[in-house]
Amino acid sequence: MVAIKSLGIFLIVNAILFFNIVCGDDLDLDYMLSLVNSARSDNGVDPPLQLNSLLIDTAQRHSERMEESGELSHDDEDGDFATRITNSGYDWNAIGENIASGYENEDSVMDGWMNSPPHRANILNPDFRDLGVGRSGDYWTQDFGRTFEESDAEES
């Protein structure tokens, strides 16, 4: 009986550790999108942003590279954020990027960005239509954009 209880405790502890290792960098994209769009709405900014897979991939890759290097920077081995976004295939007319480190979750990093004028300006920029977010460890990236196609559609 003691062996079974010990085995059960061992399995539970290892399952928790495995979950934290595998899922420790969890990012809830839909929740982050809702935080960004709530901030925009609360400040009278339209339209709400939508998630874009190219920007998500670019932001995630950049967060991973920042974690690997241990350096918070808009530049990496692929260049600056404009180069990275262009190379992703995103045909942009307007772009912006927020980066951060040291935050535990979406709420805390959004608070940090909203309390920093340049980051807040990106979040509230009415020119942006698309959002990509990445997280690796405690490194975060938000990439914002608007495509030429979106710009042309709104002008006609």
N, C-alpha and C. Protein backbone atom coordinates (compact mmCIF):
# COMPACT_ATOMS: atom_id res chain seq x y z
N MET A 1 0.82 -1.20 0.00
CA MET A 1 0.00 0.00 0.00
C MET A 1 0.87 1.26 0.00
N VAL A 2 1.92 1.28 0.82
CA VAL A 2 2.82 2.43 0.88
C VAL A 2 3.51 2.61 -0.47
N ALA A 3 3.90 1.51 -1.10
CA ALA A 3 4.56 1.60 -2.41
C ALA A 3 3.63 2.20 -3.45
N ILE A 4 2.37 1.84 -3.42
CA ILE A 4 1.40 2.37 -4.37
C ILE A 4 1.20 3.87 -4.14
N LYS A 5 1.09 4.29 -2.87
CA LYS A 5 0.95 5.72 -2.57
C LYS A 5 2.19 6.48 -3.01
N SER A 6 3.38 5.91 -2.75
CA SER A 6 4.62 6.57 -3.15
C SER A 6 4.70 6.69 -4.67
N LEU A 7 4.31 5.63 -5.36
CA LEU A 7 4.30 5.66 -6.82
C LEU A 7 3.32 6.72 -7.33
N GLY A 8 2.16 6.79 -6.70
CA GLY A 8 1.16 7.79 -7.09
C GLY A 8 1.67 9.20 -6.90
N ILE A 9 2.30 9.47 -5.77
CA ILE A 9 2.86 10.80 -5.50
C ILE A 9 3.97 11.10 -6.51
N PHE A 10 4.84 10.11 -6.77
CA PHE A 10 5.91 10.28 -7.75
C PHE A 10 5.36 10.65 -9.12
N LEU A 11 4.33 9.94 -9.55
CA LEU A 11 3.73 10.20 -10.86
C LEU A 11 3.10 11.58 -10.93
N ILE A 12 2.42 11.99 -9.87
CA ILE A 12 1.78 13.31 -9.84
C ILE A 12 2.84 14.41 -9.90
N VAL A 13 3.89 14.28 -9.09
CA VAL A 13 4.95 15.29 -9.07
C VAL A 13 5.62 15.37 -10.44
N ASN A 14 5.93 14.24 -11.04
CA ASN A 14 6.57 14.25 -12.36
C ASN A 14 5.65 14.80 -13.43
N ALA A 15 4.36 14.53 -13.34
CA ALA A 15 3.41 15.09 -14.31
C ALA A 15 3.38 16.60 -14.19
N ILE A 16 3.38 17.12 -12.97
CA ILE A 16 3.39 18.58 -12.76
C ILE A 16 4.68 19.19 -13.31
N LEU A 17 5.82 18.56 -13.01
CA LEU A 17 7.10 19.07 -13.51
C LEU A 17 7.14 19.03 -15.03
N PHE A 18 6.68 17.93 -15.62
CA PHE A 18 6.65 17.82 -17.08
C PHE A 18 5.77 18.90 -17.68
N PHE A 19 4.60 19.12 -17.09
CA PHE A 19 3.68 20.14 -17.59
C PHE A 19 4.34 21.51 -17.55
N ASN A 20 5.03 21.82 -16.46
CA ASN A 20 5.67 23.13 -16.34
C ASN A 20 6.82 23.28 -17.33
N ILE A 21 7.54 22.21 -17.60
CA ILE A 21 8.64 22.30 -18.56
C ILE A 21 8.08 22.49 -19.97
N VAL A 22 7.11 21.67 -20.34
CA VAL A 22 6.56 21.73 -21.69
C VAL A 22 5.72 22.97 -21.90
N CYS A 23 4.94 23.37 -20.90
CA CYS A 23 3.97 24.45 -21.07
C CYS A 23 4.37 25.72 -20.33
N GLY A 24 5.58 25.79 -19.82
CA GLY A 24 5.99 26.94 -19.03
C GLY A 24 5.95 28.25 -19.80
N ASP A 25 6.12 28.18 -21.12
CA ASP A 25 6.13 29.39 -21.94
C ASP A 25 4.78 29.61 -22.60
N ASP A 26 3.74 29.04 -22.02
CA ASP A 26 2.42 29.17 -22.64
C ASP A 26 2.08 30.63 -22.90
N LEU A 27 1.48 30.82 -24.02
CA LEU A 27 1.00 32.13 -24.41
C LEU A 27 -0.41 31.94 -24.92
N ASP A 28 -1.33 32.66 -24.34
CA ASP A 28 -2.72 32.60 -24.79
C ASP A 28 -2.92 33.74 -25.79
N LEU A 29 -2.79 33.39 -27.07
CA LEU A 29 -2.88 34.41 -28.12
C LEU A 29 -4.23 35.12 -28.12
N ASP A 30 -5.30 34.37 -27.93
CA ASP A 30 -6.63 35.00 -27.93
C ASP A 30 -6.78 35.96 -26.76
N TYR A 31 -6.22 35.59 -25.61
CA TYR A 31 -6.30 36.48 -24.45
C TYR A 31 -5.47 37.75 -24.69
N MET A 32 -4.27 37.58 -25.25
CA MET A 32 -3.44 38.75 -25.54
C MET A 32 -4.14 39.66 -26.55
N LEU A 33 -4.75 39.06 -27.57
CA LEU A 33 -5.50 39.85 -28.54
C LEU A 33 -6.63 40.62 -27.86
N SER A 34 -7.32 39.97 -26.92
CA SER A 34 -8.42 40.66 -26.23
C SER A 34 -7.89 41.80 -25.36
N LEU A 35 -6.72 41.62 -24.74
CA LEU A 35 -6.13 42.70 -23.94
C LEU A 35 -5.76 43.89 -24.83
N VAL A 36 -5.15 43.61 -25.97
CA VAL A 36 -4.76 44.68 -26.90
C VAL A 36 -6.00 45.40 -27.42
N ASN A 37 -7.00 44.63 -27.85
CA ASN A 37 -8.21 45.25 -28.40
C ASN A 37 -9.01 45.98 -27.33
N SER A 38 -8.98 45.52 -26.09
CA SER A 38 -9.64 46.26 -25.00
C SER A 38 -8.95 47.59 -24.77
N ALA A 39 -7.61 47.58 -24.79
CA ALA A 39 -6.86 48.83 -24.61
C ALA A 39 -7.18 49.80 -25.75
N ARG A 40 -7.26 49.29 -26.96
CA ARG A 40 -7.59 50.14 -28.11
C ARG A 40 -9.00 50.70 -27.96
N SER A 41 -9.95 49.85 -27.63
CA SER A 41 -11.35 50.28 -27.47
C SER A 41 -11.49 51.30 -26.35
N ASP A 42 -10.83 51.03 -25.21
CA ASP A 42 -10.91 51.95 -24.07
C ASP A 42 -10.36 53.33 -24.40
N ASN A 43 -9.49 53.39 -25.40
CA ASN A 43 -8.88 54.66 -25.81
C ASN A 43 -9.44 55.19 -27.12
N GLY A 44 -10.59 54.64 -27.54
CA GLY A 44 -11.27 55.13 -28.73
C GLY A 44 -10.58 54.82 -30.04
N VAL A 45 -9.77 53.76 -30.06
CA VAL A 45 -9.02 53.42 -31.28
C VAL A 45 -9.73 52.28 -32.01
N ASP A 46 -10.01 52.52 -33.27
CA ASP A 46 -10.57 51.50 -34.16
C ASP A 46 -9.62 51.31 -35.33
N PRO A 47 -9.68 50.20 -35.99
CA PRO A 47 -10.49 49.02 -35.71
C PRO A 47 -9.76 48.10 -34.74
N PRO A 48 -10.45 47.08 -34.24
CA PRO A 48 -9.75 46.06 -33.44
C PRO A 48 -8.76 45.31 -34.33
N LEU A 49 -7.70 44.82 -33.72
CA LEU A 49 -6.70 44.06 -34.47
C LEU A 49 -7.15 42.61 -34.63
N GLN A 50 -6.55 41.94 -35.59
CA GLN A 50 -6.78 40.51 -35.77
C GLN A 50 -5.42 39.81 -35.75
N LEU A 51 -5.41 38.55 -35.33
CA LEU A 51 -4.18 37.79 -35.32
C LEU A 51 -3.77 37.45 -36.75
N ASN A 52 -2.48 37.50 -37.00
CA ASN A 52 -1.93 37.18 -38.32
C ASN A 52 -0.85 36.12 -38.14
N SER A 53 -0.96 35.01 -38.84
CA SER A 53 -0.04 33.88 -38.65
C SER A 53 1.40 34.23 -39.02
N LEU A 54 1.61 35.06 -40.03
CA LEU A 54 2.98 35.45 -40.39
C LEU A 54 3.61 36.28 -39.28
N LEU A 55 2.84 37.21 -38.71
CA LEU A 55 3.37 38.03 -37.61
C LEU A 55 3.55 37.20 -36.35
N ILE A 56 2.66 36.23 -36.11
CA ILE A 56 2.82 35.34 -34.95
C ILE A 56 4.12 34.56 -35.07
N ASP A 57 4.37 33.96 -36.23
CA ASP A 57 5.59 33.18 -36.43
C ASP A 57 6.83 34.05 -36.27
N THR A 58 6.80 35.26 -36.82
CA THR A 58 7.94 36.17 -36.72
C THR A 58 8.18 36.58 -35.27
N ALA A 59 7.12 36.91 -34.55
CA ALA A 59 7.25 37.31 -33.14
C ALA A 59 7.75 36.15 -32.29
N GLN A 60 7.23 34.96 -32.52
CA GLN A 60 7.66 33.80 -31.73
C GLN A 60 9.14 33.50 -31.97
N ARG A 61 9.54 33.49 -33.22
CA ARG A 61 10.95 33.22 -33.54
C ARG A 61 11.86 34.27 -32.89
N HIS A 62 11.44 35.53 -32.91
CA HIS A 62 12.27 36.58 -32.31
C HIS A 62 12.36 36.40 -30.79
N SER A 63 11.25 36.06 -30.15
CA SER A 63 11.28 35.81 -28.70
C SER A 63 12.23 34.66 -28.37
N GLU A 64 12.21 33.61 -29.17
CA GLU A 64 13.10 32.47 -28.94
C GLU A 64 14.56 32.88 -29.10
N ARG A 65 14.85 33.70 -30.09
CA ARG A 65 16.23 34.14 -30.31
C ARG A 65 16.70 35.05 -29.17
N MET A 66 15.81 35.91 -28.68
CA MET A 66 16.20 36.76 -27.55
C MET A 66 16.50 35.89 -26.33
N GLU A 67 15.67 34.87 -26.09
CA GLU A 67 15.92 34.01 -24.94
C GLU A 67 17.25 33.27 -25.10
N GLU A 68 17.52 32.75 -26.29
CA GLU A 68 18.77 32.03 -26.54
C GLU A 68 19.99 32.92 -26.30
N SER A 69 19.91 34.17 -26.75
CA SER A 69 21.05 35.09 -26.60
C SER A 69 21.07 35.77 -25.24
N GLY A 70 19.94 35.77 -24.55
CA GLY A 70 19.85 36.48 -23.28
C GLY A 70 19.87 37.99 -23.45
N GLU A 71 19.56 38.45 -24.66
CA GLU A 71 19.64 39.88 -24.97
C GLU A 71 18.29 40.40 -25.46
N LEU A 72 17.82 41.47 -24.85
CA LEU A 72 16.59 42.13 -25.27
C LEU A 72 16.95 43.13 -26.36
N SER A 73 16.52 42.84 -27.59
CA SER A 73 16.90 43.69 -28.72
C SER A 73 15.90 43.54 -29.85
N HIS A 74 15.71 44.62 -30.60
CA HIS A 74 14.87 44.55 -31.79
C HIS A 74 15.62 43.92 -32.97
N ASP A 75 16.93 43.75 -32.83
CA ASP A 75 17.75 43.17 -33.90
C ASP A 75 18.20 41.77 -33.50
N ASP A 76 18.29 40.88 -34.49
CA ASP A 76 18.88 39.57 -34.28
C ASP A 76 19.63 39.17 -35.54
N GLU A 77 20.01 37.91 -35.64
CA GLU A 77 20.83 37.47 -36.79
C GLU A 77 20.14 37.66 -38.13
N ASP A 78 18.81 37.81 -38.12
CA ASP A 78 18.07 38.04 -39.36
C ASP A 78 17.85 39.52 -39.65
N GLY A 79 18.37 40.38 -38.81
CA GLY A 79 18.24 41.82 -39.03
C GLY A 79 17.27 42.46 -38.06
N ASP A 80 16.80 43.65 -38.42
CA ASP A 80 15.86 44.36 -37.57
C ASP A 80 14.44 43.83 -37.81
N PHE A 81 13.49 44.36 -37.05
CA PHE A 81 12.13 43.82 -37.15
C PHE A 81 11.52 44.04 -38.53
N ALA A 82 11.86 45.13 -39.21
CA ALA A 82 11.32 45.35 -40.55
C ALA A 82 11.82 44.28 -41.52
N THR A 83 13.08 43.93 -41.41
CA THR A 83 13.64 42.88 -42.26
C THR A 83 13.00 41.54 -41.96
N ARG A 84 12.86 41.22 -40.66
CA ARG A 84 12.25 39.93 -40.28
C ARG A 84 10.82 39.83 -40.79
N ILE A 85 10.05 40.90 -40.63
CA ILE A 85 8.65 40.88 -41.06
C ILE A 85 8.56 40.79 -42.58
N THR A 86 9.41 41.53 -43.28
CA THR A 86 9.44 41.45 -44.75
C THR A 86 9.78 40.03 -45.20
N ASN A 87 10.80 39.44 -44.58
CA ASN A 87 11.23 38.09 -44.96
C ASN A 87 10.18 37.03 -44.66
N SER A 88 9.24 37.34 -43.78
CA SER A 88 8.17 36.38 -43.46
C SER A 88 7.14 36.27 -44.58
N GLY A 89 7.16 37.28 -45.49
CA GLY A 89 6.18 37.31 -46.56
C GLY A 89 5.02 38.26 -46.29
N TYR A 90 5.05 38.93 -45.14
CA TYR A 90 4.01 39.90 -44.81
C TYR A 90 4.27 41.16 -45.63
N ASP A 91 3.35 41.50 -46.52
CA ASP A 91 3.50 42.64 -47.45
C ASP A 91 3.00 43.90 -46.76
N TRP A 92 3.88 44.51 -45.98
CA TRP A 92 3.45 45.56 -45.07
C TRP A 92 3.50 46.96 -45.65
N ASN A 93 2.57 47.75 -45.14
CA ASN A 93 2.52 49.18 -45.40
C ASN A 93 2.89 49.95 -44.13
N ALA A 94 2.60 49.34 -42.97
CA ALA A 94 2.94 49.94 -41.68
C ALA A 94 3.24 48.80 -40.71
N ILE A 95 4.30 48.96 -39.90
CA ILE A 95 4.65 47.94 -38.91
C ILE A 95 5.18 48.60 -37.65
N GLY A 96 5.16 47.84 -36.56
CA GLY A 96 5.73 48.26 -35.30
C GLY A 96 6.04 47.03 -34.48
N GLU A 97 6.87 47.21 -33.46
CA GLU A 97 7.23 46.07 -32.62
C GLU A 97 7.41 46.51 -31.18
N ASN A 98 6.90 45.71 -30.27
CA ASN A 98 7.15 45.85 -28.84
C ASN A 98 7.88 44.61 -28.38
N ILE A 99 8.91 44.79 -27.53
CA ILE A 99 9.59 43.66 -26.91
C ILE A 99 9.68 43.93 -25.42
N ALA A 100 9.81 42.85 -24.66
CA ALA A 100 9.92 42.98 -23.21
C ALA A 100 10.54 41.71 -22.65
N SER A 101 11.04 41.81 -21.43
CA SER A 101 11.49 40.62 -20.71
C SER A 101 11.21 40.82 -19.23
N GLY A 102 11.12 39.70 -18.53
CA GLY A 102 10.93 39.75 -17.09
C GLY A 102 9.49 39.71 -16.63
N TYR A 103 8.56 39.52 -17.53
CA TYR A 103 7.14 39.49 -17.17
C TYR A 103 6.64 38.06 -17.17
N GLU A 104 5.76 37.76 -16.20
CA GLU A 104 5.29 36.39 -16.00
C GLU A 104 4.11 36.00 -16.87
N ASN A 105 3.29 36.97 -17.25
CA ASN A 105 2.06 36.61 -17.97
C ASN A 105 1.59 37.77 -18.85
N GLU A 106 0.53 37.51 -19.59
CA GLU A 106 0.00 38.50 -20.53
C GLU A 106 -0.41 39.79 -19.82
N ASP A 107 -1.07 39.68 -18.67
CA ASP A 107 -1.52 40.87 -17.95
C ASP A 107 -0.35 41.76 -17.54
N SER A 108 0.69 41.14 -16.98
CA SER A 108 1.81 41.95 -16.48
C SER A 108 2.59 42.60 -17.62
N VAL A 109 2.81 41.87 -18.72
CA VAL A 109 3.55 42.49 -19.82
C VAL A 109 2.73 43.59 -20.48
N MET A 110 1.41 43.40 -20.59
CA MET A 110 0.57 44.47 -21.15
C MET A 110 0.58 45.70 -20.26
N ASP A 111 0.56 45.51 -18.94
CA ASP A 111 0.66 46.65 -18.02
C ASP A 111 1.97 47.40 -18.26
N GLY A 112 3.05 46.65 -18.41
CA GLY A 112 4.35 47.27 -18.67
C GLY A 112 4.35 48.07 -19.96
N TRP A 113 3.84 47.46 -21.01
CA TRP A 113 3.81 48.16 -22.30
C TRP A 113 2.89 49.37 -22.27
N MET A 114 1.74 49.25 -21.63
CA MET A 114 0.80 50.39 -21.60
C MET A 114 1.33 51.54 -20.75
N ASN A 115 2.27 51.27 -19.85
CA ASN A 115 2.86 52.31 -19.02
C ASN A 115 4.16 52.86 -19.61
N SER A 116 4.47 52.47 -20.83
CA SER A 116 5.65 52.96 -21.54
C SER A 116 5.18 53.67 -22.80
N PRO A 117 5.38 54.99 -22.88
CA PRO A 117 4.82 55.75 -24.02
C PRO A 117 5.10 55.18 -25.41
N PRO A 118 6.33 54.76 -25.75
CA PRO A 118 6.53 54.25 -27.11
C PRO A 118 5.79 52.93 -27.37
N HIS A 119 5.73 52.07 -26.35
CA HIS A 119 5.03 50.79 -26.51
C HIS A 119 3.52 51.01 -26.58
N ARG A 120 3.05 51.90 -25.73
CA ARG A 120 1.62 52.25 -25.74
C ARG A 120 1.22 52.80 -27.11
N ALA A 121 2.10 53.61 -27.70
CA ALA A 121 1.80 54.19 -29.01
C ALA A 121 1.62 53.11 -30.07
N ASN A 122 2.43 52.05 -30.01
CA ASN A 122 2.25 50.94 -30.95
C ASN A 122 0.91 50.26 -30.74
N ILE A 123 0.58 49.96 -29.49
CA ILE A 123 -0.68 49.27 -29.19
C ILE A 123 -1.87 50.09 -29.65
N LEU A 124 -1.79 51.40 -29.50
CA LEU A 124 -2.92 52.28 -29.82
C LEU A 124 -2.82 52.90 -31.22
N ASN A 125 -1.89 52.46 -32.03
CA ASN A 125 -1.72 53.04 -33.36
C ASN A 125 -2.91 52.65 -34.25
N PRO A 126 -3.69 53.62 -34.71
CA PRO A 126 -4.87 53.30 -35.53
C PRO A 126 -4.53 52.80 -36.93
N ASP A 127 -3.27 52.91 -37.34
CA ASP A 127 -2.88 52.42 -38.66
C ASP A 127 -2.74 50.90 -38.70
N PHE A 128 -2.54 50.27 -37.55
CA PHE A 128 -2.32 48.82 -37.52
C PHE A 128 -3.63 48.06 -37.59
N ARG A 129 -3.58 46.89 -38.25
CA ARG A 129 -4.74 46.01 -38.39
C ARG A 129 -4.46 44.60 -37.89
N ASP A 130 -3.18 44.20 -37.89
CA ASP A 130 -2.80 42.82 -37.58
C ASP A 130 -1.85 42.77 -36.40
N LEU A 131 -1.87 41.63 -35.71
CA LEU A 131 -1.03 41.43 -34.53
C LEU A 131 -0.44 40.03 -34.55
N GLY A 132 0.81 39.95 -34.16
CA GLY A 132 1.46 38.68 -33.88
C GLY A 132 2.16 38.80 -32.55
N VAL A 133 2.09 37.76 -31.74
CA VAL A 133 2.70 37.79 -30.41
C VAL A 133 3.51 36.51 -30.24
N GLY A 134 4.67 36.63 -29.60
CA GLY A 134 5.48 35.47 -29.28
C GLY A 134 6.02 35.58 -27.87
N ARG A 135 6.28 34.41 -27.29
CA ARG A 135 6.86 34.36 -25.95
C ARG A 135 7.79 33.15 -25.87
N SER A 136 8.95 33.38 -25.30
CA SER A 136 9.88 32.30 -24.99
C SER A 136 10.52 32.63 -23.65
N GLY A 137 10.27 31.79 -22.66
CA GLY A 137 10.72 32.10 -21.31
C GLY A 137 10.05 33.38 -20.86
N ASP A 138 10.85 34.35 -20.44
CA ASP A 138 10.25 35.64 -20.06
C ASP A 138 10.52 36.72 -21.11
N TYR A 139 10.79 36.30 -22.34
CA TYR A 139 10.97 37.24 -23.46
C TYR A 139 9.70 37.28 -24.30
N TRP A 140 9.23 38.48 -24.55
CA TRP A 140 7.96 38.71 -25.25
C TRP A 140 8.18 39.59 -26.47
N THR A 141 7.42 39.33 -27.52
CA THR A 141 7.43 40.17 -28.72
C THR A 141 6.00 40.37 -29.21
N GLN A 142 5.67 41.60 -29.51
CA GLN A 142 4.43 41.93 -30.23
C GLN A 142 4.85 42.56 -31.56
N ASP A 143 4.37 42.00 -32.66
CA ASP A 143 4.58 42.60 -33.98
C ASP A 143 3.23 43.07 -34.51
N PHE A 144 3.19 44.31 -34.93
CA PHE A 144 1.98 44.94 -35.44
C PHE A 144 2.16 45.23 -36.92
N GLY A 145 1.07 45.23 -37.66
CA GLY A 145 1.20 45.57 -39.07
C GLY A 145 -0.11 45.90 -39.75
N ARG A 146 0.08 46.39 -40.94
CA ARG A 146 -1.02 46.65 -41.87
C ARG A 146 -0.46 46.38 -43.25
N THR A 147 -1.18 45.60 -44.03
CA THR A 147 -0.69 45.25 -45.36
C THR A 147 -1.10 46.30 -46.38
N PHE A 148 -0.42 46.29 -47.53
CA PHE A 148 -0.82 47.15 -48.63
C PHE A 148 -2.24 46.81 -49.07
N GLU A 149 -2.56 45.53 -49.07
CA GLU A 149 -3.91 45.09 -49.47
C GLU A 149 -4.98 45.69 -48.56
N GLU A 150 -4.71 45.69 -47.24
CA GLU A 150 -5.67 46.29 -46.30
C GLU A 150 -5.78 47.79 -46.53
N SER A 151 -4.66 48.44 -46.80
CA SER A 151 -4.67 49.88 -47.05
C SER A 151 -5.45 50.21 -48.31
N ASP A 152 -5.22 49.44 -49.38
CA ASP A 152 -5.91 49.67 -50.65
C ASP A 152 -7.41 49.45 -50.51
N ALA A 153 -7.80 48.41 -49.77
CA ALA A 153 -9.23 48.10 -49.60
C ALA A 153 -9.95 49.21 -48.86
N GLU A 154 -9.28 49.82 -47.88
CA GLU A 154 -9.92 50.88 -47.10
C GLU A 154 -10.01 52.18 -47.88
N GLU A 155 -9.11 52.38 -48.85
CA GLU A 155 -9.13 53.61 -49.63
C GLU A 155 -10.18 53.58 -50.73
N SER A 156 -10.61 52.37 -51.14
CA SER A 156 -11.60 52.31 -52.23
C SER A 156 -13.01 52.31 -51.74
